[in-house]
């Protein structure tokens, strides 16, 4: 008579297994005020998916931190000794295009905002912003989005749209129309909403369509206009007057 033995894995072993950990967002902080850095570290320590991997108190130090730690996101102050934030941003963009940079500043100088966007930062957050929005901006920028709050967006857009501005139209102000084929009425409506600061979900609700349909329209619009992101699309809308529609 044949017998068989069924081997069971010990229960305690099963209980000890942990679910795979979510990918951590590795963040570096650059600010010349220790109290600001400390406050940000304490804020981010409360988030399960965020890890502070380095900090710096001046522009040269932040470049070293980025080179050594290769963070996912950098919170960068504009006012720092040895090398200011804009100079540091320019250097970082030349040496490490992977790290996404959020300008975290007390300044409300619109010219600096515009310059920072031109140099390739992924977001601008004012220091008086609510703490939860600072955390949200990190997650959004990490996922590949541009982060500008309504106040900053308006300031940047007005500055970009100023006659004579280098970026008053897509393509560096050449004035050349880049539209490859006419936009449909629906696409023009979406362009107007983007310029007014609406997010995909908000546009979907307003237009009574799905969020995926909005994304499909945006893909087609980007292709038709030759723009690469929502900011450039908003600049195009202002240049063409589409932001006044709807």
C-alpha atoms as a PDB file:
ATOM      1  CA  UNK A   1       0.000   0.000   0.000  1.00  0.00           C
ATOM      2  CA  UNK A   2       1.380   3.318  -1.066  1.00  0.00           C
ATOM      3  CA  UNK A   3       1.378   6.247   1.277  1.00  0.00           C
ATOM      4  CA  UNK A   4       2.009   9.890   0.607  1.00  0.00           C
ATOM      5  CA  UNK A   5       3.031  12.720   2.845  1.00  0.00           C
ATOM      6  CA  UNK A   6       1.694  16.239   2.414  1.00  0.00           C
ATOM      7  CA  UNK A   7       4.197  18.788   3.653  1.00  0.00           C
ATOM      8  CA  UNK A   8       2.750  22.073   4.861  1.00  0.00           C
ATOM      9  CA  UNK A   9       4.791  25.231   5.188  1.00  0.00           C
ATOM     10  CA  UNK A  10       4.915  26.305   8.843  1.00  0.00           C
ATOM     11  CA  UNK A  11       2.204  28.818   9.706  1.00  0.00           C
ATOM     12  CA  UNK A  12       4.628  31.172  11.394  1.00  0.00           C
ATOM     13  CA  UNK A  13       6.677  31.361   8.182  1.00  0.00           C
ATOM     14  CA  UNK A  14       3.589  32.376   6.227  1.00  0.00           C
ATOM     15  CA  UNK A  15       2.758  35.056   8.747  1.00  0.00           C
ATOM     16  CA  UNK A  16       6.272  36.473   8.627  1.00  0.00           C
ATOM     17  CA  UNK A  17       6.112  37.217   4.926  1.00  0.00           C
ATOM     18  CA  UNK A  18       5.800  40.922   4.203  1.00  0.00           C
ATOM     19  CA  UNK A  19       4.178  42.461   1.146  1.00  0.00           C
ATOM     20  CA  UNK A  20       6.623  44.033  -1.300  1.00  0.00           C
ATOM     21  CA  UNK A  21       7.488  47.572  -0.332  1.00  0.00           C
ATOM     22  CA  UNK A  22       6.369  50.443  -2.534  1.00  0.00           C
ATOM     23  CA  UNK A  23       9.144  52.297  -4.313  1.00  0.00           C
ATOM     24  CA  UNK A  24      10.460  55.132  -2.184  1.00  0.00           C
ATOM     25  CA  UNK A  25      10.735  58.659  -3.556  1.00  0.00           C
ATOM     26  CA  UNK A  26      14.287  59.744  -2.778  1.00  0.00           C
ATOM     27  CA  UNK A  27      14.393  63.469  -1.990  1.00  0.00           C
ATOM     28  CA  UNK A  28      17.239  65.927  -1.427  1.00  0.00           C
ATOM     29  CA  UNK A  29      16.796  69.330   0.215  1.00  0.00           C
ATOM     30  CA  UNK A  30      18.808  72.473  -0.560  1.00  0.00           C
ATOM     31  CA  UNK A  31      18.265  75.560   1.579  1.00  0.00           C
ATOM     32  CA  UNK A  32      20.717  77.811   3.406  1.00  0.00           C
ATOM     33  CA  UNK A  33      18.522  77.966   6.542  1.00  0.00           C
ATOM     34  CA  UNK A  34      19.011  74.929   8.827  1.00  0.00           C
ATOM     35  CA  UNK A  35      15.605  75.460  10.419  1.00  0.00           C
ATOM     36  CA  UNK A  36      13.923  75.162   7.005  1.00  0.00           C
ATOM     37  CA  UNK A  37      15.828  71.987   6.165  1.00  0.00           C
ATOM     38  CA  UNK A  38      14.983  70.513   9.558  1.00  0.00           C
ATOM     39  CA  UNK A  39      11.308  71.380   9.167  1.00  0.00           C
ATOM     40  CA  UNK A  40      11.162  69.791   5.723  1.00  0.00           C
ATOM     41  CA  UNK A  41      12.901  66.645   6.941  1.00  0.00           C
ATOM     42  CA  UNK A  42      10.411  66.284   9.794  1.00  0.00           C
ATOM     43  CA  UNK A  43       7.511  66.857   7.397  1.00  0.00           C
ATOM     44  CA  UNK A  44       8.730  64.287   4.877  1.00  0.00           C
ATOM     45  CA  UNK A  45       9.599  61.755   7.595  1.00  0.00           C
ATOM     46  CA  UNK A  46       5.855  61.394   8.186  1.00  0.00           C
ATOM     47  CA  UNK A  47       5.362  60.059   4.643  1.00  0.00           C
ATOM     48  CA  UNK A  48       5.774  56.314   4.144  1.00  0.00           C
ATOM     49  CA  UNK A  49       6.832  56.655   0.498  1.00  0.00           C
ATOM     50  CA  UNK A  50       9.346  59.504   0.877  1.00  0.00           C
ATOM     51  CA  UNK A  51      12.967  59.274   2.012  1.00  0.00           C
ATOM     52  CA  UNK A  52      15.308  62.248   2.484  1.00  0.00           C
ATOM     53  CA  UNK A  53      18.689  61.134   1.152  1.00  0.00           C
ATOM     54  CA  UNK A  54      20.693  64.333   1.438  1.00  0.00           C
ATOM     55  CA  UNK A  55      20.719  68.034   2.251  1.00  0.00           C
ATOM     56  CA  UNK A  56      22.849  71.036   1.392  1.00  0.00           C
ATOM     57  CA  UNK A  57      23.158  74.614   2.617  1.00  0.00           C
ATOM     58  CA  UNK A  58      24.679  76.223  -0.472  1.00  0.00           C
ATOM     59  CA  UNK A  59      24.660  75.911  -4.251  1.00  0.00           C
ATOM     60  CA  UNK A  60      27.939  74.050  -4.593  1.00  0.00           C
ATOM     61  CA  UNK A  61      26.910  71.614  -1.892  1.00  0.00           C
ATOM     62  CA  UNK A  62      23.651  70.742  -3.634  1.00  0.00           C
ATOM     63  CA  UNK A  63      25.470  69.941  -6.875  1.00  0.00           C
ATOM     64  CA  UNK A  64      27.674  67.513  -4.944  1.00  0.00           C
ATOM     65  CA  UNK A  65      24.641  65.947  -3.241  1.00  0.00           C
ATOM     66  CA  UNK A  66      22.890  65.408  -6.573  1.00  0.00           C
ATOM     67  CA  UNK A  67      26.007  63.860  -8.086  1.00  0.00           C
ATOM     68  CA  UNK A  68      26.587  61.558  -5.109  1.00  0.00           C
ATOM     69  CA  UNK A  69      23.017  60.555  -4.200  1.00  0.00           C
ATOM     70  CA  UNK A  70      21.169  60.882  -7.534  1.00  0.00           C
ATOM     71  CA  UNK A  71      17.838  61.788  -5.856  1.00  0.00           C
ATOM     72  CA  UNK A  72      14.499  61.434  -7.621  1.00  0.00           C
ATOM     73  CA  UNK A  73      13.387  64.907  -6.549  1.00  0.00           C
ATOM     74  CA  UNK A  74      15.322  67.940  -5.370  1.00  0.00           C
ATOM     75  CA  UNK A  75      13.751  70.763  -3.336  1.00  0.00           C
ATOM     76  CA  UNK A  76      15.869  73.755  -4.295  1.00  0.00           C
ATOM     77  CA  UNK A  77      15.870  77.244  -2.761  1.00  0.00           C
ATOM     78  CA  UNK A  78      16.673  80.175  -5.052  1.00  0.00           C
ATOM     79  CA  UNK A  79      18.597  82.213  -2.474  1.00  0.00           C
ATOM     80  CA  UNK A  80      21.769  80.399  -1.470  1.00  0.00           C
ATOM     81  CA  UNK A  81      25.431  81.361  -0.944  1.00  0.00           C
ATOM     82  CA  UNK A  82      28.336  80.358  -3.208  1.00  0.00           C
ATOM     83  CA  UNK A  83      26.004  79.522  -6.103  1.00  0.00           C
ATOM     84  CA  UNK A  84      22.409  80.693  -6.313  1.00  0.00           C
ATOM     85  CA  UNK A  85      19.513  78.378  -7.057  1.00  0.00           C
ATOM     86  CA  UNK A  86      19.212  79.258 -10.746  1.00  0.00           C
ATOM     87  CA  UNK A  87      22.920  78.652 -11.361  1.00  0.00           C
ATOM     88  CA  UNK A  88      22.731  75.377  -9.462  1.00  0.00           C
ATOM     89  CA  UNK A  89      19.643  74.364 -11.459  1.00  0.00           C
ATOM     90  CA  UNK A  90      21.410  75.064 -14.732  1.00  0.00           C
ATOM     91  CA  UNK A  91      24.414  72.958 -13.711  1.00  0.00           C
ATOM     92  CA  UNK A  92      22.221  70.100 -12.483  1.00  0.00           C
ATOM     93  CA  UNK A  93      20.226  70.066 -15.718  1.00  0.00           C
ATOM     94  CA  UNK A  94      23.467  69.771 -17.665  1.00  0.00           C
ATOM     95  CA  UNK A  95      24.810  66.875 -15.592  1.00  0.00           C
ATOM     96  CA  UNK A  96      21.771  65.008 -14.279  1.00  0.00           C
ATOM     97  CA  UNK A  97      18.573  65.153 -16.314  1.00  0.00           C
ATOM     98  CA  UNK A  98      16.967  62.377 -14.235  1.00  0.00           C
ATOM     99  CA  UNK A  99      16.565  64.326 -11.004  1.00  0.00           C
ATOM    100  CA  UNK A 100      13.398  66.423 -11.081  1.00  0.00           C
ATOM    101  CA  UNK A 101      13.757  69.832  -9.461  1.00  0.00           C
ATOM    102  CA  UNK A 102      11.126  71.719  -7.490  1.00  0.00           C
ATOM    103  CA  UNK A 103      11.963  75.325  -6.724  1.00  0.00           C
ATOM    104  CA  UNK A 104      10.914  75.954  -3.117  1.00  0.00           C
ATOM    105  CA  UNK A 105      11.168  79.672  -2.510  1.00  0.00           C
ATOM    106  CA  UNK A 106       9.915  82.652  -0.528  1.00  0.00           C
ATOM    107  CA  UNK A 107      10.529  84.888  -3.537  1.00  0.00           C
ATOM    108  CA  UNK A 108       7.622  86.040  -5.673  1.00  0.00           C
ATOM    109  CA  UNK A 109       9.830  87.396  -8.451  1.00  0.00           C
ATOM    110  CA  UNK A 110       7.991  86.407 -11.638  1.00  0.00           C
ATOM    111  CA  UNK A 111      11.155  86.785 -13.703  1.00  0.00           C
ATOM    112  CA  UNK A 112      12.861  84.153 -11.545  1.00  0.00           C
ATOM    113  CA  UNK A 113       9.893  81.806 -11.970  1.00  0.00           C
ATOM    114  CA  UNK A 114      10.102  82.164 -15.751  1.00  0.00           C
ATOM    115  CA  UNK A 115      13.862  81.663 -15.763  1.00  0.00           C
ATOM    116  CA  UNK A 116      13.551  78.558 -13.593  1.00  0.00           C
ATOM    117  CA  UNK A 117      10.963  77.053 -15.962  1.00  0.00           C
ATOM    118  CA  UNK A 118      13.174  77.842 -18.944  1.00  0.00           C
ATOM    119  CA  UNK A 119      16.081  76.102 -17.203  1.00  0.00           C
ATOM    120  CA  UNK A 120      14.011  72.955 -16.809  1.00  0.00           C
ATOM    121  CA  UNK A 121      12.611  72.846 -13.289  1.00  0.00           C
ATOM    122  CA  UNK A 122       9.557  70.618 -12.860  1.00  0.00           C
ATOM    123  CA  UNK A 123       7.706  72.737 -10.329  1.00  0.00           C
ATOM    124  CA  UNK A 124       7.609  75.908  -8.277  1.00  0.00           C
ATOM    125  CA  UNK A 125       6.302  75.932  -4.711  1.00  0.00           C
ATOM    126  CA  UNK A 126       6.162  78.986  -2.472  1.00  0.00           C
ATOM    127  CA  UNK A 127       7.414  78.452   1.081  1.00  0.00           C
ATOM    128  CA  UNK A 128       4.138  79.725   2.487  1.00  0.00           C
ATOM    129  CA  UNK A 129       2.366  76.817   0.767  1.00  0.00           C
ATOM    130  CA  UNK A 130       0.485  74.380   3.021  1.00  0.00           C
ATOM    131  CA  UNK A 131       2.672  71.403   4.055  1.00  0.00           C
ATOM    132  CA  UNK A 132       0.341  68.839   2.450  1.00  0.00           C
ATOM    133  CA  UNK A 133       0.708  70.582  -0.900  1.00  0.00           C
ATOM    134  CA  UNK A 134       4.502  70.430  -0.652  1.00  0.00           C
ATOM    135  CA  UNK A 135       4.230  66.663  -0.243  1.00  0.00           C
ATOM    136  CA  UNK A 136       1.700  66.476  -3.083  1.00  0.00           C
ATOM    137  CA  UNK A 137       4.000  68.449  -5.374  1.00  0.00           C
ATOM    138  CA  UNK A 138       6.792  65.942  -4.750  1.00  0.00           C
ATOM    139  CA  UNK A 139       4.580  63.010  -5.719  1.00  0.00           C
ATOM    140  CA  UNK A 140       3.224  64.790  -8.804  1.00  0.00           C
ATOM    141  CA  UNK A 141       6.650  65.824 -10.059  1.00  0.00           C
ATOM    142  CA  UNK A 142       8.027  62.342  -9.343  1.00  0.00           C
ATOM    143  CA  UNK A 143       5.255  60.897 -11.537  1.00  0.00           C
ATOM    144  CA  UNK A 144       6.321  63.147 -14.408  1.00  0.00           C
ATOM    145  CA  UNK A 145       3.924  66.075 -14.067  1.00  0.00           C
ATOM    146  CA  UNK A 146       4.640  69.794 -13.861  1.00  0.00           C
ATOM    147  CA  UNK A 147       3.610  71.424 -10.565  1.00  0.00           C
ATOM    148  CA  UNK A 148       2.547  75.059 -10.460  1.00  0.00           C
ATOM    149  CA  UNK A 149      -0.112  76.322  -8.072  1.00  0.00           C
ATOM    150  CA  UNK A 150      -2.788  78.686  -9.392  1.00  0.00           C
ATOM    151  CA  UNK A 151      -0.995  81.817  -8.185  1.00  0.00           C
ATOM    152  CA  UNK A 152       2.332  80.807  -9.678  1.00  0.00           C
ATOM    153  CA  UNK A 153       0.758  79.575 -12.920  1.00  0.00           C
ATOM    154  CA  UNK A 154      -0.946  82.914 -13.447  1.00  0.00           C
ATOM    155  CA  UNK A 155       2.292  84.797 -12.779  1.00  0.00           C
ATOM    156  CA  UNK A 156       4.332  82.611 -15.118  1.00  0.00           C
ATOM    157  CA  UNK A 157       1.727  82.701 -17.871  1.00  0.00           C
ATOM    158  CA  UNK A 158       1.391  86.485 -17.736  1.00  0.00           C
ATOM    159  CA  UNK A 159       5.150  86.850 -17.902  1.00  0.00           C
ATOM    160  CA  UNK A 160       5.494  84.397 -20.794  1.00  0.00           C
ATOM    161  CA  UNK A 161       2.662  86.135 -22.636  1.00  0.00           C
ATOM    162  CA  UNK A 162       4.184  89.607 -22.306  1.00  0.00           C
ATOM    163  CA  UNK A 163       4.911  91.119 -25.756  1.00  0.00           C
ATOM    164  CA  UNK A 164       8.588  90.840 -26.513  1.00  0.00           C
ATOM    165  CA  UNK A 165       9.083  87.938 -24.130  1.00  0.00           C
ATOM    166  CA  UNK A 166      11.492  85.338 -25.449  1.00  0.00           C
ATOM    167  CA  UNK A 167       8.829  82.703 -24.911  1.00  0.00           C
ATOM    168  CA  UNK A 168       5.745  84.695 -25.895  1.00  0.00           C
ATOM    169  CA  UNK A 169       5.043  81.971 -28.427  1.00  0.00           C
ATOM    170  CA  UNK A 170       6.134  78.333 -28.670  1.00  0.00           C
ATOM    171  CA  UNK A 171       9.453  77.863 -30.404  1.00  0.00           C
ATOM    172  CA  UNK A 172      11.407  80.615 -28.661  1.00  0.00           C
ATOM    173  CA  UNK A 173       9.440  83.619 -29.888  1.00  0.00           C
ATOM    174  CA  UNK A 174      10.014  83.123 -33.578  1.00  0.00           C
ATOM    175  CA  UNK A 175       6.338  83.784 -34.209  1.00  0.00           C
ATOM    176  CA  UNK A 176       6.192  80.858 -36.582  1.00  0.00           C
ATOM    177  CA  UNK A 177       2.961  78.905 -36.339  1.00  0.00           C
ATOM    178  CA  UNK A 178       3.747  75.298 -35.452  1.00  0.00           C
ATOM    179  CA  UNK A 179       0.250  73.915 -35.885  1.00  0.00           C
ATOM    180  CA  UNK A 180       0.562  70.927 -38.218  1.00  0.00           C
ATOM    181  CA  UNK A 181      -3.167  70.507 -38.747  1.00  0.00           C
ATOM    182  CA  UNK A 182      -6.230  72.439 -37.529  1.00  0.00           C
ATOM    183  CA  UNK A 183      -7.517  71.718 -34.058  1.00  0.00           C
ATOM    184  CA  UNK A 184     -11.071  70.491 -33.772  1.00  0.00           C
ATOM    185  CA  UNK A 185     -13.583  72.471 -31.718  1.00  0.00           C
ATOM    186  CA  UNK A 186     -13.253  69.880 -28.940  1.00  0.00           C
ATOM    187  CA  UNK A 187      -9.459  70.139 -28.963  1.00  0.00           C
ATOM    188  CA  UNK A 188      -9.607  73.935 -28.829  1.00  0.00           C
ATOM    189  CA  UNK A 189     -11.903  73.665 -25.820  1.00  0.00           C
ATOM    190  CA  UNK A 190      -9.403  71.397 -24.077  1.00  0.00           C
ATOM    191  CA  UNK A 191      -6.514  73.758 -24.878  1.00  0.00           C
ATOM    192  CA  UNK A 192      -8.476  76.623 -23.318  1.00  0.00           C
ATOM    193  CA  UNK A 193      -9.127  74.614 -20.156  1.00  0.00           C
ATOM    194  CA  UNK A 194      -5.462  73.628 -19.840  1.00  0.00           C
ATOM    195  CA  UNK A 195      -4.480  77.302 -20.079  1.00  0.00           C
ATOM    196  CA  UNK A 196      -7.007  78.106 -17.365  1.00  0.00           C
ATOM    197  CA  UNK A 197      -5.341  75.590 -15.035  1.00  0.00           C
ATOM    198  CA  UNK A 198      -7.797  72.681 -15.200  1.00  0.00           C
ATOM    199  CA  UNK A 199      -6.474  69.178 -14.497  1.00  0.00           C
ATOM    200  CA  UNK A 200      -7.454  66.133 -16.575  1.00  0.00           C
ATOM    201  CA  UNK A 201     -10.062  64.927 -14.094  1.00  0.00           C
ATOM    202  CA  UNK A 202     -11.611  68.390 -13.806  1.00  0.00           C
ATOM    203  CA  UNK A 203     -11.774  68.725 -17.592  1.00  0.00           C
ATOM    204  CA  UNK A 204     -13.418  65.310 -17.890  1.00  0.00           C
ATOM    205  CA  UNK A 205     -16.107  66.295 -15.383  1.00  0.00           C
ATOM    206  CA  UNK A 206     -16.702  69.671 -16.998  1.00  0.00           C
ATOM    207  CA  UNK A 207     -16.946  68.225 -20.516  1.00  0.00           C
ATOM    208  CA  UNK A 208     -18.863  65.069 -19.504  1.00  0.00           C
ATOM    209  CA  UNK A 209     -16.267  62.737 -20.994  1.00  0.00           C
ATOM    210  CA  UNK A 210     -13.901  60.183 -19.491  1.00  0.00           C
ATOM    211  CA  UNK A 211     -10.468  61.112 -18.171  1.00  0.00           C
ATOM    212  CA  UNK A 212      -8.936  58.710 -20.695  1.00  0.00           C
ATOM    213  CA  UNK A 213     -10.675  60.588 -23.517  1.00  0.00           C
ATOM    214  CA  UNK A 214      -9.138  63.810 -22.234  1.00  0.00           C
ATOM    215  CA  UNK A 215      -5.709  62.148 -22.273  1.00  0.00           C
ATOM    216  CA  UNK A 216      -6.290  60.945 -25.841  1.00  0.00           C
ATOM    217  CA  UNK A 217      -7.241  64.458 -26.940  1.00  0.00           C
ATOM    218  CA  UNK A 218      -4.140  65.893 -25.263  1.00  0.00           C
ATOM    219  CA  UNK A 219      -1.926  63.355 -27.027  1.00  0.00           C
ATOM    220  CA  UNK A 220      -3.383  64.405 -30.382  1.00  0.00           C
ATOM    221  CA  UNK A 221      -3.075  68.096 -29.502  1.00  0.00           C
ATOM    222  CA  UNK A 222       0.583  67.742 -28.494  1.00  0.00           C
ATOM    223  CA  UNK A 223       1.278  65.984 -31.791  1.00  0.00           C
ATOM    224  CA  UNK A 224      -0.570  68.567 -33.886  1.00  0.00           C
ATOM    225  CA  UNK A 225       1.042  71.576 -32.236  1.00  0.00           C
ATOM    226  CA  UNK A 226       4.499  70.126 -31.708  1.00  0.00           C
ATOM    227  CA  UNK A 227       4.472  70.958 -27.994  1.00  0.00           C
ATOM    228  CA  UNK A 228       5.930  68.662 -25.361  1.00  0.00           C
ATOM    229  CA  UNK A 229       4.058  69.482 -22.138  1.00  0.00           C
ATOM    230  CA  UNK A 230       1.095  71.293 -20.599  1.00  0.00           C
ATOM    231  CA  UNK A 231       3.083  74.427 -19.852  1.00  0.00           C
ATOM    232  CA  UNK A 232       4.125  74.895 -23.461  1.00  0.00           C
ATOM    233  CA  UNK A 233       0.545  74.138 -24.515  1.00  0.00           C
ATOM    234  CA  UNK A 234      -0.712  76.867 -22.169  1.00  0.00           C
ATOM    235  CA  UNK A 235       1.793  79.309 -23.681  1.00  0.00           C
ATOM    236  CA  UNK A 236       0.495  78.441 -27.128  1.00  0.00           C
ATOM    237  CA  UNK A 237      -3.071  79.038 -25.943  1.00  0.00           C
ATOM    238  CA  UNK A 238      -2.179  82.490 -24.621  1.00  0.00           C
ATOM    239  CA  UNK A 239      -0.315  83.376 -27.804  1.00  0.00           C
ATOM    240  CA  UNK A 240      -3.336  82.378 -29.918  1.00  0.00           C
ATOM    241  CA  UNK A 241      -5.943  83.791 -27.551  1.00  0.00           C
ATOM    242  CA  UNK A 242      -7.459  80.359 -26.956  1.00  0.00           C
ATOM    243  CA  UNK A 243      -7.334  80.779 -23.176  1.00  0.00           C
ATOM    244  CA  UNK A 244     -10.195  83.274 -23.441  1.00  0.00           C
ATOM    245  CA  UNK A 245     -12.558  80.748 -24.966  1.00  0.00           C
ATOM    246  CA  UNK A 246     -15.213  78.859 -23.022  1.00  0.00           C
END
